[in-house]
Amino acid sequence: MEIEQSNSNQEPNTDLILTQNSIYFLRNTSPWMKFVSLAGIMMCLILVGFAIIIIQAPVEATNPYLAKLGSGLKNFVAVIDIFIAIILIFPCIYLLRYSNRIKKFIKTNNSIAFEKALSMQRKFWKYIGILTIIYVSIFGITIIGMSAGFFAGLLIK
């Protein structure tokens, strides 16, 4: 495979050569990337739909305090659902763009299309990496907080 590193000042190399196996792998993974990205987008839309249903659902409680708490809680859950959907839709979009650009590359054999596909792949993995760091950090803080609460409970007894 011949790939020259291109800068914005250089003329792009349009003579990218890949083996038949590489083309085969790209061709066969592209539909799966598209499927996963569209499934992710659908899940995000379903999550937003659930948030709308949660907001519209009536809060029934005999105690007015519980009714206020229920209303605030359901709105909080709806906002969290929408926030999660917004966060998770971006990697799905990047993956869909990657799939579409790989298809374009296979049809045209143009190195610019391949470069754009790799750019979308880089954005996808960077976004997933940042989400993973955030998730692991929140998980770690939660474990530390729970451990502190557990040990504080032991000291109180």
N, C-alpha and C. Protein backbone atom coordinates (compact mmCIF):
# COMPACT_ATOMS: atom_id res chain seq x y z
N MET A 1 0.86 -1.17 0.00
CA MET A 1 0.00 0.00 0.00
C MET A 1 0.90 1.23 0.00
N GLU A 2 0.66 2.11 -0.91
CA GLU A 2 1.44 3.33 -1.01
C GLU A 2 0.60 4.49 -0.53
N ILE A 3 1.02 5.09 0.58
CA ILE A 3 0.32 6.26 1.08
C ILE A 3 1.36 7.31 1.41
N GLU A 4 1.22 8.46 0.79
CA GLU A 4 2.11 9.57 1.11
C GLU A 4 1.40 10.45 2.11
N GLN A 5 2.18 10.97 3.05
CA GLN A 5 1.61 11.88 4.04
C GLN A 5 1.34 13.21 3.35
N SER A 6 0.09 13.69 3.48
CA SER A 6 -0.24 14.94 2.79
C SER A 6 -0.47 16.06 3.78
N ASN A 7 0.06 17.19 3.48
CA ASN A 7 -0.20 18.41 4.22
C ASN A 7 -1.15 19.25 3.40
N SER A 8 -1.70 20.29 4.01
CA SER A 8 -2.65 21.13 3.29
C SER A 8 -1.97 21.88 2.15
N ASN A 9 -0.63 22.07 2.21
CA ASN A 9 0.09 22.80 1.17
C ASN A 9 0.46 21.91 -0.01
N GLN A 10 0.43 20.60 0.18
CA GLN A 10 0.84 19.69 -0.87
C GLN A 10 -0.37 19.28 -1.71
N GLU A 11 -0.10 18.94 -2.96
CA GLU A 11 -1.16 18.41 -3.80
C GLU A 11 -1.44 16.99 -3.36
N PRO A 12 -2.72 16.62 -3.19
CA PRO A 12 -3.03 15.28 -2.70
C PRO A 12 -2.66 14.20 -3.70
N ASN A 13 -2.25 13.07 -3.16
CA ASN A 13 -1.92 11.90 -3.97
C ASN A 13 -3.21 11.14 -4.24
N THR A 14 -3.60 11.03 -5.49
CA THR A 14 -4.83 10.32 -5.82
C THR A 14 -4.56 8.91 -6.29
N ASP A 15 -3.33 8.45 -6.17
CA ASP A 15 -2.96 7.10 -6.60
C ASP A 15 -2.76 6.20 -5.40
N LEU A 16 -3.80 5.98 -4.64
CA LEU A 16 -3.74 5.11 -3.47
C LEU A 16 -3.93 3.68 -3.94
N ILE A 17 -3.04 2.81 -3.49
CA ILE A 17 -3.11 1.40 -3.89
C ILE A 17 -3.33 0.55 -2.65
N LEU A 18 -4.42 -0.21 -2.66
CA LEU A 18 -4.72 -1.15 -1.60
C LEU A 18 -4.81 -2.54 -2.19
N THR A 19 -4.53 -3.53 -1.39
CA THR A 19 -4.66 -4.91 -1.86
C THR A 19 -6.13 -5.27 -2.00
N GLN A 20 -6.39 -6.35 -2.71
CA GLN A 20 -7.77 -6.81 -2.89
C GLN A 20 -8.39 -7.20 -1.54
N ASN A 21 -7.57 -7.77 -0.65
CA ASN A 21 -8.08 -8.12 0.68
C ASN A 21 -8.49 -6.87 1.46
N SER A 22 -7.70 -5.81 1.35
CA SER A 22 -8.05 -4.56 2.04
C SER A 22 -9.36 -4.01 1.54
N ILE A 23 -9.54 -4.01 0.23
CA ILE A 23 -10.79 -3.54 -0.38
C ILE A 23 -11.95 -4.43 0.07
N TYR A 24 -11.70 -5.73 0.10
CA TYR A 24 -12.73 -6.69 0.53
C TYR A 24 -13.15 -6.40 1.98
N PHE A 25 -12.18 -6.20 2.85
CA PHE A 25 -12.49 -5.92 4.26
C PHE A 25 -13.25 -4.61 4.41
N LEU A 26 -12.81 -3.58 3.72
CA LEU A 26 -13.51 -2.30 3.78
C LEU A 26 -14.93 -2.41 3.25
N ARG A 27 -15.09 -3.11 2.14
CA ARG A 27 -16.41 -3.28 1.53
C ARG A 27 -17.34 -4.04 2.47
N ASN A 28 -16.82 -5.04 3.16
CA ASN A 28 -17.67 -5.87 4.02
C ASN A 28 -17.89 -5.30 5.42
N THR A 29 -17.05 -4.38 5.87
CA THR A 29 -17.30 -3.77 7.17
C THR A 29 -18.16 -2.51 7.05
N SER A 30 -18.17 -1.91 5.89
CA SER A 30 -18.94 -0.67 5.70
C SER A 30 -20.43 -0.84 6.00
N PRO A 31 -21.10 -1.91 5.54
CA PRO A 31 -22.52 -2.06 5.88
C PRO A 31 -22.75 -2.24 7.38
N TRP A 32 -21.82 -2.91 8.06
CA TRP A 32 -21.96 -3.09 9.50
C TRP A 32 -21.79 -1.78 10.24
N MET A 33 -20.85 -0.95 9.77
CA MET A 33 -20.68 0.37 10.39
C MET A 33 -21.94 1.20 10.20
N LYS A 34 -22.52 1.10 9.01
CA LYS A 34 -23.74 1.85 8.74
C LYS A 34 -24.88 1.34 9.62
N PHE A 35 -25.00 0.02 9.75
CA PHE A 35 -26.04 -0.57 10.59
C PHE A 35 -25.90 -0.12 12.04
N VAL A 36 -24.69 -0.21 12.58
CA VAL A 36 -24.46 0.17 13.98
C VAL A 36 -24.73 1.66 14.18
N SER A 37 -24.30 2.49 13.24
CA SER A 37 -24.51 3.92 13.39
C SER A 37 -26.01 4.27 13.30
N LEU A 38 -26.73 3.66 12.38
CA LEU A 38 -28.16 3.93 12.27
C LEU A 38 -28.92 3.39 13.48
N ALA A 39 -28.50 2.24 14.00
CA ALA A 39 -29.13 1.72 15.22
C ALA A 39 -28.88 2.67 16.39
N GLY A 40 -27.68 3.21 16.48
CA GLY A 40 -27.37 4.18 17.53
C GLY A 40 -28.19 5.44 17.40
N ILE A 41 -28.34 5.93 16.18
CA ILE A 41 -29.16 7.13 15.96
C ILE A 41 -30.61 6.85 16.33
N MET A 42 -31.12 5.67 15.96
CA MET A 42 -32.49 5.30 16.33
C MET A 42 -32.65 5.24 17.85
N MET A 43 -31.67 4.68 18.54
CA MET A 43 -31.74 4.61 20.00
C MET A 43 -31.75 6.01 20.63
N CYS A 44 -30.96 6.90 20.07
CA CYS A 44 -30.97 8.28 20.57
C CYS A 44 -32.33 8.94 20.35
N LEU A 45 -32.92 8.69 19.19
CA LEU A 45 -34.25 9.25 18.92
C LEU A 45 -35.30 8.64 19.84
N ILE A 46 -35.19 7.35 20.11
CA ILE A 46 -36.11 6.70 21.05
C ILE A 46 -35.94 7.29 22.44
N LEU A 47 -34.71 7.55 22.83
CA LEU A 47 -34.45 8.15 24.14
C LEU A 47 -35.10 9.53 24.25
N VAL A 48 -35.00 10.32 23.19
CA VAL A 48 -35.65 11.63 23.17
C VAL A 48 -37.18 11.46 23.21
N GLY A 49 -37.68 10.46 22.49
CA GLY A 49 -39.11 10.17 22.53
C GLY A 49 -39.59 9.81 23.93
N PHE A 50 -38.81 8.99 24.63
CA PHE A 50 -39.15 8.66 26.01
C PHE A 50 -39.13 9.91 26.90
N ALA A 51 -38.18 10.79 26.65
CA ALA A 51 -38.11 12.02 27.45
C ALA A 51 -39.37 12.87 27.23
N ILE A 52 -39.82 12.93 25.99
CA ILE A 52 -41.04 13.69 25.71
C ILE A 52 -42.25 13.04 26.39
N ILE A 53 -42.32 11.71 26.35
CA ILE A 53 -43.40 11.00 27.02
C ILE A 53 -43.35 11.24 28.53
N ILE A 54 -42.14 11.21 29.10
CA ILE A 54 -41.98 11.44 30.54
C ILE A 54 -42.47 12.84 30.91
N ILE A 55 -42.12 13.83 30.10
CA ILE A 55 -42.54 15.21 30.38
C ILE A 55 -44.06 15.34 30.30
N GLN A 56 -44.67 14.67 29.35
CA GLN A 56 -46.12 14.78 29.15
C GLN A 56 -46.92 13.95 30.14
N ALA A 57 -46.30 12.97 30.79
CA ALA A 57 -47.03 12.07 31.69
C ALA A 57 -47.50 12.84 32.92
N PRO A 58 -48.76 12.61 33.33
CA PRO A 58 -49.26 13.29 34.53
C PRO A 58 -48.66 12.68 35.80
N VAL A 59 -48.50 13.52 36.80
CA VAL A 59 -48.00 13.05 38.10
C VAL A 59 -49.19 12.96 39.03
N GLU A 60 -49.47 11.75 39.47
CA GLU A 60 -50.60 11.55 40.37
C GLU A 60 -50.07 11.21 41.75
N ALA A 61 -50.42 12.02 42.72
CA ALA A 61 -50.05 11.75 44.10
C ALA A 61 -51.09 12.41 45.00
N THR A 62 -51.40 11.74 46.08
CA THR A 62 -52.40 12.30 47.00
C THR A 62 -51.80 13.43 47.83
N ASN A 63 -50.52 13.36 48.10
CA ASN A 63 -49.82 14.38 48.87
C ASN A 63 -49.28 15.44 47.91
N PRO A 64 -49.60 16.73 48.10
CA PRO A 64 -49.10 17.77 47.18
C PRO A 64 -47.57 17.85 47.15
N TYR A 65 -46.90 17.54 48.27
CA TYR A 65 -45.44 17.55 48.30
C TYR A 65 -44.89 16.49 47.37
N LEU A 66 -45.50 15.30 47.41
CA LEU A 66 -45.05 14.22 46.52
C LEU A 66 -45.33 14.57 45.06
N ALA A 67 -46.42 15.27 44.80
CA ALA A 67 -46.72 15.68 43.43
C ALA A 67 -45.65 16.64 42.92
N LYS A 68 -45.21 17.59 43.75
CA LYS A 68 -44.15 18.52 43.34
C LYS A 68 -42.84 17.78 43.13
N LEU A 69 -42.53 16.85 44.03
CA LEU A 69 -41.31 16.07 43.91
C LEU A 69 -41.35 15.22 42.64
N GLY A 70 -42.50 14.60 42.38
CA GLY A 70 -42.64 13.78 41.19
C GLY A 70 -42.48 14.58 39.92
N SER A 71 -43.05 15.77 39.89
CA SER A 71 -42.95 16.62 38.71
C SER A 71 -41.50 17.03 38.46
N GLY A 72 -40.82 17.45 39.52
CA GLY A 72 -39.41 17.83 39.38
C GLY A 72 -38.54 16.65 38.99
N LEU A 73 -38.83 15.49 39.58
CA LEU A 73 -38.05 14.29 39.29
C LEU A 73 -38.24 13.84 37.84
N LYS A 74 -39.47 13.85 37.37
CA LYS A 74 -39.71 13.42 35.99
C LYS A 74 -39.07 14.40 35.01
N ASN A 75 -39.08 15.69 35.30
CA ASN A 75 -38.42 16.66 34.43
C ASN A 75 -36.90 16.47 34.45
N PHE A 76 -36.36 16.16 35.62
CA PHE A 76 -34.93 15.90 35.73
C PHE A 76 -34.54 14.68 34.90
N VAL A 77 -35.31 13.61 35.01
CA VAL A 77 -35.04 12.39 34.23
C VAL A 77 -35.14 12.68 32.73
N ALA A 78 -36.13 13.47 32.34
CA ALA A 78 -36.29 13.81 30.92
C ALA A 78 -35.10 14.61 30.40
N VAL A 79 -34.64 15.57 31.19
CA VAL A 79 -33.48 16.37 30.79
C VAL A 79 -32.23 15.50 30.68
N ILE A 80 -32.06 14.59 31.63
CA ILE A 80 -30.91 13.67 31.58
C ILE A 80 -30.99 12.79 30.33
N ASP A 81 -32.18 12.28 30.01
CA ASP A 81 -32.36 11.47 28.80
C ASP A 81 -31.96 12.24 27.54
N ILE A 82 -32.42 13.46 27.44
CA ILE A 82 -32.10 14.27 26.26
C ILE A 82 -30.61 14.58 26.21
N PHE A 83 -30.01 14.87 27.36
CA PHE A 83 -28.57 15.14 27.42
C PHE A 83 -27.76 13.92 26.96
N ILE A 84 -28.15 12.75 27.44
CA ILE A 84 -27.45 11.52 27.04
C ILE A 84 -27.61 11.28 25.53
N ALA A 85 -28.82 11.51 25.01
CA ALA A 85 -29.04 11.31 23.58
C ALA A 85 -28.17 12.26 22.75
N ILE A 86 -28.06 13.50 23.20
CA ILE A 86 -27.22 14.47 22.47
C ILE A 86 -25.76 14.03 22.50
N ILE A 87 -25.30 13.56 23.64
CA ILE A 87 -23.91 13.12 23.74
C ILE A 87 -23.64 11.90 22.86
N LEU A 88 -24.59 10.96 22.84
CA LEU A 88 -24.35 9.70 22.13
C LEU A 88 -24.62 9.76 20.64
N ILE A 89 -25.28 10.80 20.15
CA ILE A 89 -25.58 10.84 18.72
C ILE A 89 -24.35 11.19 17.88
N PHE A 90 -23.42 11.93 18.46
CA PHE A 90 -22.24 12.36 17.69
C PHE A 90 -21.36 11.20 17.21
N PRO A 91 -21.01 10.22 18.07
CA PRO A 91 -20.21 9.12 17.53
C PRO A 91 -20.98 8.32 16.47
N CYS A 92 -22.28 8.26 16.58
CA CYS A 92 -23.08 7.57 15.56
C CYS A 92 -22.99 8.29 14.23
N ILE A 93 -23.04 9.61 14.27
CA ILE A 93 -22.92 10.40 13.05
C ILE A 93 -21.53 10.24 12.44
N TYR A 94 -20.49 10.27 13.28
CA TYR A 94 -19.13 10.07 12.77
C TYR A 94 -18.98 8.70 12.12
N LEU A 95 -19.55 7.68 12.73
CA LEU A 95 -19.45 6.33 12.18
C LEU A 95 -20.23 6.23 10.86
N LEU A 96 -21.38 6.87 10.78
CA LEU A 96 -22.15 6.86 9.53
C LEU A 96 -21.38 7.57 8.41
N ARG A 97 -20.78 8.70 8.73
CA ARG A 97 -19.98 9.42 7.73
C ARG A 97 -18.78 8.59 7.30
N TYR A 98 -18.16 7.90 8.25
CA TYR A 98 -17.02 7.03 7.92
C TYR A 98 -17.47 5.95 6.94
N SER A 99 -18.59 5.31 7.22
CA SER A 99 -19.11 4.26 6.35
C SER A 99 -19.39 4.80 4.95
N ASN A 100 -20.05 5.95 4.87
CA ASN A 100 -20.37 6.52 3.56
C ASN A 100 -19.12 6.90 2.78
N ARG A 101 -18.11 7.40 3.47
CA ARG A 101 -16.88 7.81 2.78
C ARG A 101 -16.05 6.61 2.36
N ILE A 102 -16.13 5.53 3.12
CA ILE A 102 -15.46 4.29 2.68
C ILE A 102 -16.12 3.78 1.41
N LYS A 103 -17.45 3.80 1.37
CA LYS A 103 -18.16 3.38 0.15
C LYS A 103 -17.74 4.24 -1.03
N LYS A 104 -17.65 5.54 -0.81
CA LYS A 104 -17.24 6.44 -1.89
C LYS A 104 -15.83 6.11 -2.35
N PHE A 105 -14.94 5.83 -1.38
CA PHE A 105 -13.56 5.48 -1.73
C PHE A 105 -13.53 4.21 -2.57
N ILE A 106 -14.31 3.20 -2.19
CA ILE A 106 -14.30 1.93 -2.92
C ILE A 106 -14.79 2.15 -4.35
N LYS A 107 -15.79 3.01 -4.53
CA LYS A 107 -16.32 3.27 -5.88
C LYS A 107 -15.35 4.07 -6.74
N THR A 108 -14.69 5.07 -6.14
CA THR A 108 -13.86 5.99 -6.93
C THR A 108 -12.37 5.70 -6.86
N ASN A 109 -11.93 4.98 -5.83
CA ASN A 109 -10.50 4.72 -5.58
C ASN A 109 -9.72 6.03 -5.48
N ASN A 110 -10.33 7.02 -4.86
CA ASN A 110 -9.74 8.33 -4.70
C ASN A 110 -9.15 8.44 -3.29
N SER A 111 -7.91 8.81 -3.19
CA SER A 111 -7.25 8.88 -1.88
C SER A 111 -7.83 9.99 -1.01
N ILE A 112 -8.41 11.02 -1.62
CA ILE A 112 -9.03 12.10 -0.84
C ILE A 112 -10.24 11.56 -0.09
N ALA A 113 -11.03 10.71 -0.75
CA ALA A 113 -12.19 10.10 -0.09
C ALA A 113 -11.72 9.20 1.06
N PHE A 114 -10.62 8.49 0.84
CA PHE A 114 -10.08 7.62 1.89
C PHE A 114 -9.58 8.45 3.07
N GLU A 115 -8.92 9.57 2.76
CA GLU A 115 -8.43 10.46 3.82
C GLU A 115 -9.58 11.04 4.63
N LYS A 116 -10.66 11.42 3.97
CA LYS A 116 -11.83 11.94 4.68
C LYS A 116 -12.47 10.85 5.54
N ALA A 117 -12.48 9.63 5.05
CA ALA A 117 -13.01 8.52 5.84
C ALA A 117 -12.17 8.30 7.09
N LEU A 118 -10.86 8.34 6.92
CA LEU A 118 -9.98 8.16 8.08
C LEU A 118 -10.13 9.31 9.07
N SER A 119 -10.41 10.50 8.56
CA SER A 119 -10.65 11.64 9.45
C SER A 119 -11.89 11.41 10.30
N MET A 120 -12.94 10.87 9.70
CA MET A 120 -14.16 10.55 10.46
C MET A 120 -13.90 9.44 11.47
N GLN A 121 -13.08 8.48 11.08
CA GLN A 121 -12.74 7.41 12.01
C GLN A 121 -11.96 7.96 13.20
N ARG A 122 -11.04 8.89 12.93
CA ARG A 122 -10.28 9.51 14.01
C ARG A 122 -11.20 10.28 14.95
N LYS A 123 -12.15 11.02 14.40
CA LYS A 123 -13.10 11.77 15.23
C LYS A 123 -13.95 10.82 16.07
N PHE A 124 -14.37 9.71 15.46
CA PHE A 124 -15.16 8.73 16.19
C PHE A 124 -14.40 8.19 17.40
N TRP A 125 -13.17 7.73 17.17
CA TRP A 125 -12.41 7.13 18.27
C TRP A 125 -11.98 8.16 19.30
N LYS A 126 -11.71 9.37 18.88
CA LYS A 126 -11.37 10.43 19.83
C LYS A 126 -12.57 10.71 20.74
N TYR A 127 -13.75 10.80 20.16
CA TYR A 127 -14.97 11.06 20.93
C TYR A 127 -15.24 9.90 21.89
N ILE A 128 -15.12 8.67 21.41
CA ILE A 128 -15.33 7.50 22.26
C ILE A 128 -14.29 7.48 23.38
N GLY A 129 -13.05 7.83 23.07
CA GLY A 129 -12.01 7.88 24.10
C GLY A 129 -12.31 8.90 25.18
N ILE A 130 -12.77 10.08 24.78
CA ILE A 130 -13.12 11.12 25.75
C ILE A 130 -14.29 10.66 26.62
N LEU A 131 -15.31 10.05 25.99
CA LEU A 131 -16.43 9.52 26.77
C LEU A 131 -15.97 8.44 27.75
N THR A 132 -15.04 7.61 27.33
CA THR A 132 -14.51 6.56 28.21
C THR A 132 -13.78 7.17 29.40
N ILE A 133 -12.97 8.19 29.16
CA ILE A 133 -12.27 8.86 30.26
C ILE A 133 -13.27 9.46 31.24
N ILE A 134 -14.31 10.11 30.72
CA ILE A 134 -15.33 10.69 31.59
C ILE A 134 -16.04 9.60 32.38
N TYR A 135 -16.42 8.52 31.71
CA TYR A 135 -17.12 7.42 32.38
C TYR A 135 -16.26 6.80 33.47
N VAL A 136 -15.01 6.51 33.16
CA VAL A 136 -14.12 5.90 34.15
C VAL A 136 -13.90 6.85 35.33
N SER A 137 -13.79 8.15 35.05
CA SER A 137 -13.61 9.13 36.13
C SER A 137 -14.84 9.18 37.03
N ILE A 138 -16.01 9.23 36.43
CA ILE A 138 -17.24 9.24 37.24
C ILE A 138 -17.36 7.95 38.04
N PHE A 139 -17.04 6.84 37.41
CA PHE A 139 -17.09 5.55 38.09
C PHE A 139 -16.12 5.53 39.28
N GLY A 140 -14.89 6.03 39.06
CA GLY A 140 -13.90 6.08 40.13
C GLY A 140 -14.34 6.98 41.28
N ILE A 141 -14.87 8.14 40.96
CA ILE A 141 -15.36 9.06 42.00
C ILE A 141 -16.51 8.41 42.77
N THR A 142 -17.37 7.70 42.06
CA THR A 142 -18.49 7.01 42.72
C THR A 142 -17.98 5.94 43.68
N ILE A 143 -17.01 5.16 43.24
CA ILE A 143 -16.45 4.11 44.10
C ILE A 143 -15.80 4.73 45.33
N ILE A 144 -15.05 5.81 45.14
CA ILE A 144 -14.41 6.48 46.27
C ILE A 144 -15.46 7.03 47.23
N GLY A 145 -16.50 7.67 46.68
CA GLY A 145 -17.57 8.21 47.52
C GLY A 145 -18.31 7.12 48.28
N MET A 146 -18.59 6.01 47.62
CA MET A 146 -19.28 4.91 48.29
C MET A 146 -18.39 4.29 49.38
N SER A 147 -17.12 4.16 49.09
CA SER A 147 -16.19 3.62 50.08
C SER A 147 -16.09 4.56 51.29
N ALA A 148 -16.03 5.85 51.02
CA ALA A 148 -15.96 6.82 52.11
C ALA A 148 -17.23 6.75 52.96
N GLY A 149 -18.37 6.64 52.31
CA GLY A 149 -19.63 6.52 53.04
C GLY A 149 -19.70 5.24 53.85
N PHE A 150 -19.20 4.15 53.28
CA PHE A 150 -19.20 2.87 53.98
C PHE A 150 -18.32 2.94 55.22
N PHE A 151 -17.10 3.48 55.07
CA PHE A 151 -16.20 3.56 56.20
C PHE A 151 -16.68 4.57 57.25
N ALA A 152 -17.33 5.64 56.79
CA ALA A 152 -17.90 6.60 57.73
C ALA A 152 -19.02 5.93 58.52
N GLY A 153 -19.79 5.09 57.87
CA GLY A 153 -20.85 4.36 58.55
C GLY A 153 -20.29 3.39 59.58
N LEU A 154 -19.15 2.79 59.28
CA LEU A 154 -18.53 1.88 60.24
C LEU A 154 -18.01 2.63 61.46
N LEU A 155 -17.49 3.83 61.23
CA LEU A 155 -16.96 4.63 62.35
C LEU A 155 -18.07 5.15 63.25
N ILE A 156 -19.22 5.43 62.69
CA ILE A 156 -20.34 5.97 63.48
C ILE A 156 -20.88 4.90 64.43
N LYS A 157 -20.91 3.67 63.98
CA LYS A 157 -21.43 2.60 64.82
C LYS A 157 -20.48 2.40 65.94
